[in-house]
C-alpha atoms as a PDB file:
ATOM      1  CA  ASP A   1       3.636   9.090  17.917  1.00  0.00           C
ATOM      2  CA  ASN A   2       3.339   5.774  19.562  1.00  0.00           C
ATOM      3  CA  LYS A   3      -0.184   6.395  20.670  1.00  0.00           C
ATOM      4  CA  ARG A   4      -1.565   5.846  16.914  1.00  0.00           C
ATOM      5  CA  GLY A   5      -1.164   2.089  15.253  1.00  0.00           C
ATOM      6  CA  ARG A   6       0.549   1.530  12.414  1.00  0.00           C
ATOM      7  CA  SER A   7      -0.731  -1.414   9.964  1.00  0.00           C
ATOM      8  CA  PRO A   8       2.723  -3.168   8.701  1.00  0.00           C
ATOM      9  CA  ASP A   9       2.873  -4.572   5.079  1.00  0.00           C
ATOM     10  CA  PHE A  10       4.432  -7.930   6.589  1.00  0.00           C
ATOM     11  CA  TYR A  11       5.177  -8.993   9.780  1.00  0.00           C
ATOM     12  CA  ASN A  12       6.366 -12.037  11.571  1.00  0.00           C
ATOM     13  CA  ASN A  13       5.175 -12.249  15.536  1.00  0.00           C
ATOM     14  CA  LYS A  14       7.588 -15.165  16.297  1.00  0.00           C
ATOM     15  CA  THR A  15      10.787 -13.258  15.260  1.00  0.00           C
ATOM     16  CA  LYS A  16       9.445  -9.510  15.985  1.00  0.00           C
ATOM     17  CA  GLU A  17      10.370  -8.743  12.540  1.00  0.00           C
ATOM     18  CA  ILE A  18       8.435  -6.341   9.665  1.00  0.00           C
ATOM     19  CA  ILE A  19       8.694  -5.331   6.438  1.00  0.00           C
ATOM     20  CA  GLU A  20       7.487  -2.192   5.203  1.00  0.00           C
ATOM     21  CA  ILE A  21       7.186  -1.379   1.554  1.00  0.00           C
ATOM     22  CA  PHE A  22       7.628   2.070   0.452  1.00  0.00           C
ATOM     23  CA  GLY A  23       7.751   3.410  -3.180  1.00  0.00           C
ATOM     24  CA  GLU A  24       6.469   5.404  -5.657  1.00  0.00           C
ATOM     25  CA  TYR A  25       3.196   4.218  -6.068  1.00  0.00           C
ATOM     26  CA  TRP A  26       2.419   4.743  -2.589  1.00  0.00           C
ATOM     27  CA  HIS A  27       4.547   7.631  -1.588  1.00  0.00           C
ATOM     28  CA  LYS A  28       4.996   9.608  -4.636  1.00  0.00           C
ATOM     29  CA  ASN A  29       3.693  12.305  -2.846  1.00  0.00           C
ATOM     30  CA  GLN A  30       5.032  13.291   0.401  1.00  0.00           C
ATOM     31  CA  VAL A  31       2.641  16.218   1.216  1.00  0.00           C
ATOM     32  CA  LEU A  32      -0.612  14.873   2.636  1.00  0.00           C
ATOM     33  CA  PRO A  33      -3.839  16.688   2.907  1.00  0.00           C
ATOM     34  CA  GLU A  34      -3.768  19.202   5.906  1.00  0.00           C
ATOM     35  CA  GLY A  35       0.078  19.846   5.414  1.00  0.00           C
ATOM     36  CA  LYS A  36       0.529  16.173   6.819  1.00  0.00           C
ATOM     37  CA  ARG A  37       3.251  14.359   5.395  1.00  0.00           C
ATOM     38  CA  HIS A  38       4.290  10.470   4.788  1.00  0.00           C
ATOM     39  CA  LYS A  39       6.758   9.303   7.542  1.00  0.00           C
ATOM     40  CA  THR A  40      10.064   8.568   6.090  1.00  0.00           C
ATOM     41  CA  PRO A  41      11.896   5.267   6.607  1.00  0.00           C
ATOM     42  CA  GLU A  42      13.940   6.277   9.289  1.00  0.00           C
ATOM     43  CA  GLU A  43      10.782   7.537  11.497  1.00  0.00           C
ATOM     44  CA  VAL A  44       8.851   3.999  10.554  1.00  0.00           C
ATOM     45  CA  ILE A  45      11.992   2.249  11.562  1.00  0.00           C
ATOM     46  CA  ALA A  46      12.329   4.159  14.896  1.00  0.00           C
ATOM     47  CA  TRP A  47       8.485   3.866  15.607  1.00  0.00           C
ATOM     48  CA  TYR A  48       8.580   0.107  15.247  1.00  0.00           C
ATOM     49  CA  ALA A  49      12.000  -0.265  17.500  1.00  0.00           C
ATOM     50  CA  GLU A  50      10.378   1.844  20.208  1.00  0.00           C
ATOM     51  CA  ALA A  51       7.467  -0.725  20.131  1.00  0.00           C
ATOM     52  CA  GLY A  52      10.022  -3.595  20.041  1.00  0.00           C
ATOM     53  CA  TRP A  53       9.979  -4.668  16.388  1.00  0.00           C
ATOM     54  CA  ASN A  54      12.977  -4.863  13.836  1.00  0.00           C
ATOM     55  CA  CYS A  55      11.526  -2.967  10.734  1.00  0.00           C
ATOM     56  CA  THR A  56      13.165  -3.329   7.272  1.00  0.00           C
ATOM     57  CA  VAL A  57      11.767  -0.848   4.911  1.00  0.00           C
ATOM     58  CA  VAL A  58      12.079  -1.988   1.170  1.00  0.00           C
ATOM     59  CA  TRP A  59      11.821   0.809  -1.531  1.00  0.00           C
ATOM     60  CA  ALA A  60      10.000  -0.667  -4.624  1.00  0.00           C
ATOM     61  CA  GLU A  61       9.592   1.696  -7.654  1.00  0.00           C
ATOM     62  CA  SER A  62       9.241   0.027 -10.667  1.00  0.00           C
ATOM     63  CA  GLU A  63       9.330  -3.473  -9.723  1.00  0.00           C
ATOM     64  CA  PHE A  64       5.448  -3.481  -9.351  1.00  0.00           C
ATOM     65  CA  GLU A  65       4.553  -1.349 -12.365  1.00  0.00           C
ATOM     66  CA  ASP A  66       3.525  -4.293 -14.403  1.00  0.00           C
ATOM     67  CA  PHE A  67       1.710  -5.731 -11.555  1.00  0.00           C
ATOM     68  CA  TYR A  68      -0.433  -2.821 -11.226  1.00  0.00           C
ATOM     69  CA  LYS A  69      -0.847  -2.366 -14.965  1.00  0.00           C
ATOM     70  CA  GLN A  70      -2.515  -5.926 -14.992  1.00  0.00           C
ATOM     71  CA  MET A  71      -4.838  -5.321 -12.305  1.00  0.00           C
ATOM     72  CA  GLU A  72      -6.043  -2.298 -13.645  1.00  0.00           C
ATOM     73  CA  ASP A  73      -6.431  -3.986 -17.127  1.00  0.00           C
ATOM     74  CA  ARG A  74      -8.498  -6.722 -15.190  1.00  0.00           C
ATOM     75  CA  VAL A  75     -10.646  -4.091 -13.311  1.00  0.00           C
ATOM     76  CA  ILE A  76     -11.431  -2.275 -16.269  1.00  0.00           C
ATOM     77  CA  LYS A  77     -12.308  -5.743 -18.304  1.00  0.00           C
ATOM     78  CA  LYS A  78     -14.736  -6.755 -15.378  1.00  0.00           C
ATOM     79  CA  LYS A  79     -16.303  -3.375 -15.361  1.00  0.00           C
ATOM     80  CA  GLU A  80     -16.696  -3.414 -19.074  1.00  0.00           C
ATOM     81  CA  GLU A  81     -18.117  -7.034 -18.920  1.00  0.00           C
ATOM     82  CA  GLU A  82     -20.894  -5.941 -16.338  1.00  0.00           C
ATOM     83  CA  ASP A  83     -21.695  -2.534 -18.136  1.00  0.00           C
ATOM     84  CA  ARG A  84     -22.292  -4.914 -21.429  1.00  0.00           C
ATOM     85  CA  ARG A  85     -24.254  -7.540 -19.156  1.00  0.00           C
ATOM     86  CA  ARG A  86     -26.355  -4.842 -17.636  1.00  0.00           C
ATOM     87  CA  ALA A  87     -27.020  -3.220 -21.144  1.00  0.00           C
ATOM     88  CA  SER A  88     -28.368  -6.626 -22.882  1.00  0.00           C
ATOM     89  CA  ASP A  89     -30.631  -7.355 -20.042  1.00  0.00           C
ATOM     90  CA  PRO A  90     -32.179  -4.079 -18.457  1.00  0.00           C
ATOM     91  CA  GLY A  91     -34.455  -5.919 -16.171  1.00  0.00           C
ATOM     92  CA  ALA A  92     -31.190  -7.320 -14.012  1.00  0.00           C
END
């Protein structure tokens, strides 16, 4: 429905172009709580077209796998460092 807004992944106001990135990481389970589901690429493209935008949907499957693993490792490392710091300084 056009009354609900969308947040595109990338957009260019000057050219009225949008890029949406779909993939296993974000859309691996098409069924959401309460029976809702993710929009298909065709539905997203049509929604933006009705709003006057040209949308391209890019499917990314394994391209981001290494990036997310690196980010996950960084977050875990930071948490472990913070836990050690707190353990060594109970008054902090």
